[in-house]
Amino acid sequence: MMEAKQWSVQIYISEDGDDTHARAVLTTGDTSTVTGRGVARRNPVDRSIPEIGDELAASRALEDLAIRLHDVASDDIVQLAGPAQP
């Protein structure tokens, strides 16, 4: 029987002047976490449209999260891969 797993990603967004910061936190079933971060900066000559900063910062945080998760998997492969020990 196939086992179903659920992992959750929460994205936290904050704004400070023209800067938008995002943090994407992945929580696995065993409560391990991996965190990615992203920032968007509005050019002062551009119109203020907070949603665009949110989208850019969140996408960058998710991209960073993906890279970090890949690094975790790569480290696990290096440590755990190979023939099973008898």
Protein backbone atom coordinates (compact mmCIF):
# COMPACT_ATOMS: atom_id res chain seq x y z
CA MET A 1 0.00 0.00 0.00
CA MET A 2 1.30 3.45 -0.92
CA GLU A 3 2.08 5.75 1.98
CA ALA A 4 0.81 9.32 1.67
CA LYS A 5 2.90 12.13 3.15
CA GLN A 6 2.14 15.78 3.58
CA TRP A 7 4.69 18.54 3.84
CA SER A 8 3.70 22.15 4.45
CA VAL A 9 5.23 25.41 3.27
CA GLN A 10 4.42 28.63 5.07
CA ILE A 11 5.45 31.94 3.52
CA TYR A 12 5.98 34.93 5.79
CA ILE A 13 6.18 38.38 4.17
CA SER A 14 7.21 41.68 5.72
CA GLU A 15 7.77 45.13 4.28
CA ASP A 16 10.27 47.75 5.36
CA GLY A 17 10.13 50.88 3.24
CA ASP A 18 10.93 49.91 -0.34
CA ASP A 19 12.13 46.42 0.69
CA THR A 20 9.95 43.31 0.90
CA HIS A 21 11.33 40.26 2.73
CA ALA A 22 9.91 36.75 2.44
CA ARG A 23 10.71 33.59 4.36
CA ALA A 24 9.49 30.21 3.07
CA VAL A 25 9.52 27.49 5.73
CA LEU A 26 9.08 23.84 4.73
CA THR A 27 7.97 21.52 7.53
CA THR A 28 8.16 17.79 6.86
CA GLY A 29 6.15 15.05 8.50
CA ASP A 30 8.85 14.46 11.11
CA THR A 31 8.88 18.19 11.97
CA SER A 32 12.19 18.86 10.24
CA THR A 33 12.32 22.31 8.68
CA VAL A 34 14.16 23.93 5.80
CA THR A 35 13.99 27.70 5.28
CA GLY A 36 14.49 29.83 2.17
CA ARG A 37 14.70 33.61 2.04
CA GLY A 38 14.00 36.19 -0.63
CA VAL A 39 14.05 39.96 -0.97
CA ALA A 40 12.54 42.40 -3.44
CA ARG A 41 13.49 46.07 -3.63
CA ARG A 42 11.31 48.67 -5.32
CA ASN A 43 13.10 51.22 -7.43
CA PRO A 44 12.13 54.60 -5.91
CA VAL A 45 11.03 55.89 -9.33
CA ASP A 46 8.53 53.02 -9.76
CA ARG A 47 4.93 53.14 -8.54
CA SER A 48 4.30 51.49 -5.19
CA ILE A 49 2.45 48.24 -5.87
CA PRO A 50 3.05 46.08 -2.77
CA GLU A 51 1.63 42.93 -4.39
CA ILE A 52 4.48 42.88 -6.92
CA GLY A 53 7.09 43.06 -4.15
CA ASP A 54 5.28 40.26 -2.30
CA GLU A 55 5.27 38.08 -5.42
CA LEU A 56 8.93 38.66 -6.21
CA ALA A 57 10.14 38.17 -2.64
CA ALA A 58 8.01 35.03 -2.19
CA SER A 59 9.20 33.52 -5.49
CA ARG A 60 12.81 34.19 -4.53
CA ALA A 61 12.26 32.62 -1.11
CA LEU A 62 10.75 29.52 -2.74
CA GLU A 63 13.66 29.32 -5.18
CA ASP A 64 16.11 29.55 -2.27
CA LEU A 65 14.10 26.90 -0.40
CA ALA A 66 14.31 24.55 -3.41
CA ILE A 67 18.09 24.97 -3.58
CA ARG A 68 18.46 24.35 0.16
CA LEU A 69 16.22 21.26 0.02
CA HIS A 70 18.28 19.92 -2.86
CA ASP A 71 21.43 20.48 -0.78
CA VAL A 72 19.88 18.51 2.12
CA ALA A 73 19.06 15.64 -0.24
CA SER A 74 22.56 15.73 -1.74
CA ASP A 75 24.14 15.58 1.73
CA ASP A 76 21.89 12.63 2.61
CA ILE A 77 22.95 10.82 -0.57
CA VAL A 78 26.63 11.32 0.20
CA GLN A 79 26.19 10.03 3.77
CA LEU A 80 23.68 7.25 3.20
CA ALA A 81 23.99 6.00 -0.38
CA GLY A 82 25.74 2.84 -1.37
CA PRO A 83 25.17 -0.82 -0.78
CA ALA A 84 23.18 -1.83 2.27
CA GLN A 85 25.32 -3.19 5.08
CA PRO A 86 24.57 -6.82 6.03
